[in-house]
Amino acid sequence: MLLDPLLIIELALLGLGSGFLAGLLGIGGGMLMVPFITFILSKQGVAADLSVKMAIATSMATIMFTSISSVRAHHRRGAVRWDLVKGLAPGIVLGGAVASLGVFALLKGSYLAIFFGLFVGFSATQMFLDKKPAPTRQMPGAGGQLAAGGVIGFLSGLVGAGGGFISVPFMTWCNVAIHNAVATSAALGFPIAVANVVGYALAGQSVADLPPASLGYIWLPALGVIAACSVLTAPLGAKAAHQLPVKKLKRVFACTLYLLASYMLWKGLSS
C-alpha cells in the first residue's frame, strides 16, 4: 500500500490541486482532500469509520506545510493582516485542542462524515451566494476575536479543514477586504493545523487496525506525498488570487463542493 505507483500518482494530483486552491481561496484544502483520502483509504481496505477519521487527520497535517508556502506568497504582497492573526490565533489553538483531543476521538467516523458533508454544503452555499456585509460592521475586540478563533479552531478540528471556510466569510462579513481575508486565513491555517495535529496523533495512539506507517490517526505516506506537491502549487494559487476573477471561481468551486459533500453524506449514512 505504501509503494503502489498508482496510489502515489493519486496523492500527488490531490496535493497539486489542494495546494493551488489553498493559495487561491485561502482554504487549507481540507474540503477537497478529506473526501478523496477517505475514498483512497477505503479502497485500501481500511474500515469506513476509521478511514473518515484518518482522512480528516491527514488532511489537517498537510495544511501545516501548505499554509507556510501560501502565506509567504501573500506576505510578499503585504496582504496578511497580522494584527488579526494575533487576535484570532489563541482561540484557534484552544478550540482545536478541544476538538482533536476530546470530541474527535469520541465521535464515530460516520457521524463525522455526516457533519463534514453538512458543513461543506453550508460552506459551498455561502461561497456561491457571496453575500455582502453591512458597510458599518467591523471586526470585534480582543474578547470577540478570542471567541471567534475558538469556534474556527473547534470546527476545523472536526472536519480537517484549515478554517478558511469559516475565517474568510467571517472576516469579509466584518468588512475585511477579500484579498486580506484570504491571505490572513492562509496564515491562520498553521496554528489551526499544529493544534489539531498534536491532538490527532495523541488521540489515535491506542486505536487498532491502523494502516502501516501511521502516527495516531495521521497516515504518514499520504502526508508526505500530498505535502510535497501542495507546497509547489500554493504560491501559484496565491499569485492567481490577485489576478483572476475569484468571485466566479468561488462559484465554480462551490458546485464541486456540493458533489464532495454528497459523497461524504452518503459515506456517513451508509456506514
Protein backbone atom coordinates (compact mmCIF):
# COMPACT_ATOMS: atom_id res chain seq x y z
CA MET A 1 0.00 0.00 0.00
CA LEU A 2 2.92 2.34 0.70
CA LEU A 3 4.74 1.97 -2.64
CA ASP A 4 1.91 1.49 -5.15
CA PRO A 5 2.78 3.82 -8.08
CA LEU A 6 -0.90 4.48 -8.86
CA LEU A 7 -1.51 5.43 -5.24
CA ILE A 8 1.42 7.86 -5.33
CA ILE A 9 0.06 9.46 -8.52
CA GLU A 10 -3.40 9.85 -7.00
CA LEU A 11 -2.00 11.50 -3.87
CA ALA A 12 0.32 13.73 -5.91
CA LEU A 13 -2.55 15.02 -8.06
CA LEU A 14 -4.59 15.64 -4.94
CA GLY A 15 -1.70 17.58 -3.41
CA LEU A 16 -1.22 19.73 -6.51
CA GLY A 17 -4.92 20.59 -6.69
CA SER A 18 -5.41 21.28 -2.99
CA GLY A 19 -2.24 23.39 -2.80
CA PHE A 20 -3.40 25.62 -5.63
CA LEU A 21 -6.82 26.10 -4.04
CA ALA A 22 -5.21 26.84 -0.69
CA GLY A 23 -3.37 29.77 -2.18
CA LEU A 24 -6.22 30.91 -4.42
CA LEU A 25 -9.14 30.85 -1.98
CA GLY A 26 -7.40 30.95 1.41
CA ILE A 27 -8.53 27.44 2.34
CA GLY A 28 -6.29 24.70 3.66
CA GLY A 29 -7.51 22.25 1.06
CA GLY A 30 -9.26 20.01 3.57
CA MET A 31 -12.65 20.33 1.91
CA LEU A 32 -11.11 18.79 -1.19
CA MET A 33 -8.73 16.33 0.46
CA VAL A 34 -10.95 14.64 3.04
CA PRO A 35 -13.42 13.01 0.60
CA PHE A 36 -10.63 11.83 -1.69
CA ILE A 37 -8.42 10.47 1.11
CA THR A 38 -11.48 8.73 2.57
CA PHE A 39 -12.10 7.10 -0.82
CA ILE A 40 -8.43 6.10 -1.22
CA LEU A 41 -8.22 4.57 2.27
CA SER A 42 -11.48 2.70 1.73
CA LYS A 43 -10.04 1.20 -1.46
CA GLN A 44 -7.04 0.03 0.58
CA GLY A 45 -9.34 -1.92 2.89
CA VAL A 46 -9.44 0.48 5.85
CA ALA A 47 -12.75 0.31 7.72
CA ALA A 48 -15.22 3.07 6.85
CA ASP A 49 -15.33 4.53 10.35
CA LEU A 50 -11.53 4.69 10.60
CA SER A 51 -10.96 5.90 7.04
CA VAL A 52 -13.02 9.05 7.67
CA LYS A 53 -11.10 9.89 10.84
CA MET A 54 -7.72 9.25 9.21
CA ALA A 55 -8.67 11.35 6.17
CA ILE A 56 -9.60 14.28 8.42
CA ALA A 57 -6.39 13.99 10.47
CA THR A 58 -4.11 13.52 7.45
CA SER A 59 -5.72 16.41 5.63
CA MET A 60 -5.12 18.68 8.59
CA ALA A 61 -1.47 17.60 8.82
CA THR A 62 -0.81 18.62 5.21
CA ILE A 63 -2.15 22.10 5.97
CA MET A 64 0.90 22.80 8.15
CA PHE A 65 3.04 22.74 5.02
CA THR A 66 0.54 24.27 2.61
CA SER A 67 -0.14 27.26 4.85
CA ILE A 68 3.56 28.13 5.16
CA SER A 69 4.05 28.07 1.40
CA SER A 70 0.86 30.03 0.75
CA VAL A 71 1.33 32.69 3.41
CA ARG A 72 4.86 33.51 2.23
CA ALA A 73 3.46 34.40 -1.18
CA HIS A 74 0.66 36.51 0.34
CA HIS A 75 3.03 38.21 2.79
CA ARG A 76 5.29 39.36 -0.02
CA ARG A 77 2.29 41.24 -1.40
CA GLY A 78 1.58 42.81 2.00
CA ALA A 79 -1.87 41.19 2.14
CA VAL A 80 -1.70 39.39 5.52
CA ARG A 81 -3.40 41.20 8.44
CA TRP A 82 -1.00 40.09 11.17
CA ASP A 83 -2.98 42.03 13.76
CA LEU A 84 -5.94 39.74 13.09
CA VAL A 85 -3.71 36.64 13.16
CA LYS A 86 -2.52 37.70 16.62
CA GLY A 87 -6.09 38.23 17.83
CA LEU A 88 -7.60 35.01 16.44
CA ALA A 89 -4.75 32.51 16.89
CA PRO A 90 -5.01 31.94 20.70
CA GLY A 91 -8.68 30.97 20.44
CA ILE A 92 -7.92 28.80 17.42
CA VAL A 93 -5.32 26.81 19.36
CA LEU A 94 -7.70 26.27 22.30
CA GLY A 95 -10.63 25.30 20.09
CA GLY A 96 -8.51 22.95 18.01
CA ALA A 97 -7.11 21.21 21.08
CA VAL A 98 -10.59 20.60 22.48
CA ALA A 99 -11.81 19.17 19.18
CA SER A 100 -8.87 16.91 18.32
CA LEU A 101 -8.02 15.64 21.80
CA GLY A 102 -11.57 15.13 23.04
CA VAL A 103 -14.59 15.33 20.77
CA PHE A 104 -12.91 13.87 17.65
CA ALA A 105 -11.86 10.64 19.36
CA LEU A 106 -15.28 10.15 20.96
CA LEU A 107 -17.39 10.62 17.83
CA LYS A 108 -17.92 7.81 15.33
CA GLY A 109 -16.44 8.27 11.88
CA SER A 110 -19.91 8.05 10.35
CA TYR A 111 -21.08 11.00 12.46
CA LEU A 112 -18.02 12.99 11.45
CA ALA A 113 -18.68 12.18 7.78
CA ILE A 114 -22.28 13.43 8.06
CA PHE A 115 -21.17 16.57 9.90
CA PHE A 116 -18.46 17.14 7.28
CA GLY A 117 -20.99 16.78 4.45
CA LEU A 118 -23.43 19.21 6.04
CA PHE A 119 -20.69 21.68 6.88
CA VAL A 120 -19.23 21.61 3.37
CA GLY A 121 -22.71 22.01 1.87
CA PHE A 122 -23.33 25.06 4.05
CA SER A 123 -19.90 26.49 3.21
CA ALA A 124 -20.49 25.95 -0.51
CA THR A 125 -23.80 27.79 -0.30
CA GLN A 126 -22.18 30.74 1.47
CA MET A 127 -19.45 30.79 -1.16
CA PHE A 128 -21.93 30.57 -4.03
CA LEU A 129 -24.21 33.36 -2.75
CA ASP A 130 -21.27 35.64 -1.84
CA LYS A 131 -23.39 37.92 0.33
CA LYS A 132 -22.03 41.38 1.05
CA PRO A 133 -21.64 42.61 4.66
CA ALA A 134 -23.17 45.75 6.09
CA PRO A 135 -20.80 48.66 5.43
CA THR A 136 -20.60 49.66 9.10
CA ARG A 137 -19.68 46.23 10.51
CA GLN A 138 -16.15 45.86 11.95
CA MET A 139 -14.01 43.12 13.50
CA PRO A 140 -14.83 42.55 17.18
CA GLY A 141 -12.44 43.41 20.00
CA ALA A 142 -9.96 41.11 21.72
CA GLY A 143 -12.60 39.04 23.52
CA GLY A 144 -14.70 38.63 20.39
CA GLN A 145 -11.70 37.58 18.35
CA LEU A 146 -10.71 35.04 21.01
CA ALA A 147 -14.22 33.54 20.90
CA ALA A 148 -14.34 33.58 17.11
CA GLY A 149 -10.94 31.88 16.98
CA GLY A 150 -12.20 29.18 19.34
CA VAL A 151 -15.14 28.41 17.07
CA ILE A 152 -12.90 28.37 13.98
CA GLY A 153 -10.36 26.04 15.62
CA PHE A 154 -13.02 23.69 17.01
CA LEU A 155 -14.96 23.29 13.76
CA SER A 156 -11.74 22.94 11.78
CA GLY A 157 -10.65 20.13 14.06
CA LEU A 158 -13.86 18.20 13.42
CA VAL A 159 -13.74 18.47 9.62
CA GLY A 160 -9.99 18.55 8.90
CA ALA A 161 -10.01 21.93 7.19
CA GLY A 162 -7.72 24.89 7.62
CA GLY A 163 -10.54 27.16 8.72
CA GLY A 164 -10.74 29.24 5.57
CA PHE A 165 -14.38 28.34 5.06
CA ILE A 166 -15.16 29.96 8.40
CA SER A 167 -12.50 32.62 8.78
CA VAL A 168 -12.74 34.11 5.26
CA PRO A 169 -16.55 34.61 5.40
CA PHE A 170 -16.24 35.88 8.99
CA MET A 171 -13.59 38.44 8.13
CA THR A 172 -15.33 39.62 4.96
CA TRP A 173 -18.59 39.83 6.99
CA CYS A 174 -16.64 42.23 9.23
CA ASN A 175 -15.59 44.25 6.17
CA VAL A 176 -12.03 42.98 5.86
CA ALA A 177 -11.10 43.22 2.17
CA ILE A 178 -11.39 39.84 0.43
CA HIS A 179 -7.71 39.64 -0.54
CA ASN A 180 -6.69 40.46 3.03
CA ALA A 181 -9.16 37.88 4.36
CA VAL A 182 -7.82 35.16 2.06
CA ALA A 183 -4.20 35.97 2.95
CA THR A 184 -4.92 36.16 6.69
CA SER A 185 -6.82 32.88 6.55
CA ALA A 186 -3.77 31.24 4.98
CA ALA A 187 -1.67 32.47 7.90
CA LEU A 188 -4.23 31.15 10.40
CA GLY A 189 -4.00 27.71 8.79
CA PHE A 190 -0.70 26.97 10.55
CA PRO A 191 -1.82 27.35 14.21
CA ILE A 192 -5.06 25.54 13.31
CA ALA A 193 -3.10 22.63 11.87
CA VAL A 194 -0.49 22.38 14.64
CA ALA A 195 -3.04 22.41 17.46
CA ASN A 196 -5.18 19.74 15.83
CA VAL A 197 -2.38 17.50 14.54
CA VAL A 198 -0.92 17.12 18.03
CA GLY A 199 -4.36 16.05 19.25
CA TYR A 200 -4.91 13.58 16.38
CA ALA A 201 -1.50 11.97 16.96
CA LEU A 202 -2.09 11.55 20.69
CA ALA A 203 -5.75 10.51 20.50
CA GLY A 204 -5.05 7.78 17.93
CA GLN A 205 -2.19 6.04 19.74
CA SER A 206 -4.34 3.22 21.10
CA VAL A 207 -6.52 2.73 18.00
CA ALA A 208 -6.46 -0.78 16.48
CA ASP A 209 -6.20 -1.71 12.77
CA LEU A 210 -4.34 1.40 11.69
CA PRO A 211 -2.61 1.02 8.29
CA PRO A 212 1.22 0.81 8.21
CA ALA A 213 3.24 3.97 8.85
CA SER A 214 0.52 5.77 10.78
CA LEU A 215 1.11 8.27 13.58
CA GLY A 216 -2.10 8.09 15.54
CA TYR A 217 -4.84 8.97 13.07
CA ILE A 218 -2.33 10.52 10.63
CA TRP A 219 -1.41 8.44 7.57
CA LEU A 220 2.22 9.42 7.01
CA PRO A 221 2.71 8.20 3.39
CA ALA A 222 -0.21 10.33 2.21
CA LEU A 223 1.02 13.26 4.28
CA GLY A 224 4.46 13.10 2.67
CA VAL A 225 3.26 12.93 -0.94
CA ILE A 226 0.46 15.49 -0.63
CA ALA A 227 2.55 17.98 1.33
CA ALA A 228 5.48 17.75 -1.11
CA CYS A 229 3.18 18.51 -4.05
CA SER A 230 0.92 21.09 -2.41
CA VAL A 231 3.79 23.40 -1.46
CA LEU A 232 4.68 23.63 -5.15
CA THR A 233 1.29 24.96 -6.23
CA ALA A 234 0.22 27.02 -3.20
CA PRO A 235 2.34 30.04 -4.28
CA LEU A 236 0.85 29.79 -7.77
CA GLY A 237 -2.64 29.92 -6.28
CA ALA A 238 -1.71 32.92 -4.13
CA LYS A 239 -0.42 34.72 -7.20
CA ALA A 240 -3.55 33.84 -9.17
CA ALA A 241 -5.74 35.21 -6.35
CA HIS A 242 -4.53 38.71 -7.22
CA GLN A 243 -5.11 38.25 -10.95
CA LEU A 244 -8.14 36.02 -11.54
CA PRO A 245 -11.88 36.71 -11.03
CA VAL A 246 -12.04 34.98 -7.64
CA LYS A 247 -15.79 35.54 -7.30
CA LYS A 248 -16.52 33.48 -10.42
CA LEU A 249 -14.01 30.81 -9.41
CA LYS A 250 -15.67 30.52 -5.99
CA ARG A 251 -18.98 29.67 -7.61
CA VAL A 252 -17.41 27.00 -9.78
CA PHE A 253 -15.65 25.54 -6.75
CA ALA A 254 -18.88 25.70 -4.73
CA CYS A 255 -20.55 23.41 -7.27
CA THR A 256 -17.67 20.95 -6.89
CA LEU A 257 -18.05 21.07 -3.12
CA TYR A 258 -21.71 20.07 -3.40
CA LEU A 259 -20.62 16.83 -5.09
CA LEU A 260 -17.97 16.14 -2.44
CA ALA A 261 -20.44 16.91 0.34
CA SER A 262 -22.91 14.46 -1.19
CA TYR A 263 -20.27 11.73 -1.23
CA MET A 264 -19.40 12.26 2.44
CA LEU A 265 -23.08 12.28 3.43
CA TRP A 266 -23.56 9.01 1.56
CA LYS A 267 -20.45 7.59 3.25
CA GLY A 268 -21.69 8.55 6.69
CA LEU A 269 -25.27 7.37 6.22
CA SER A 270 -24.30 4.08 4.56
CA SER A 271 -21.86 3.13 7.30
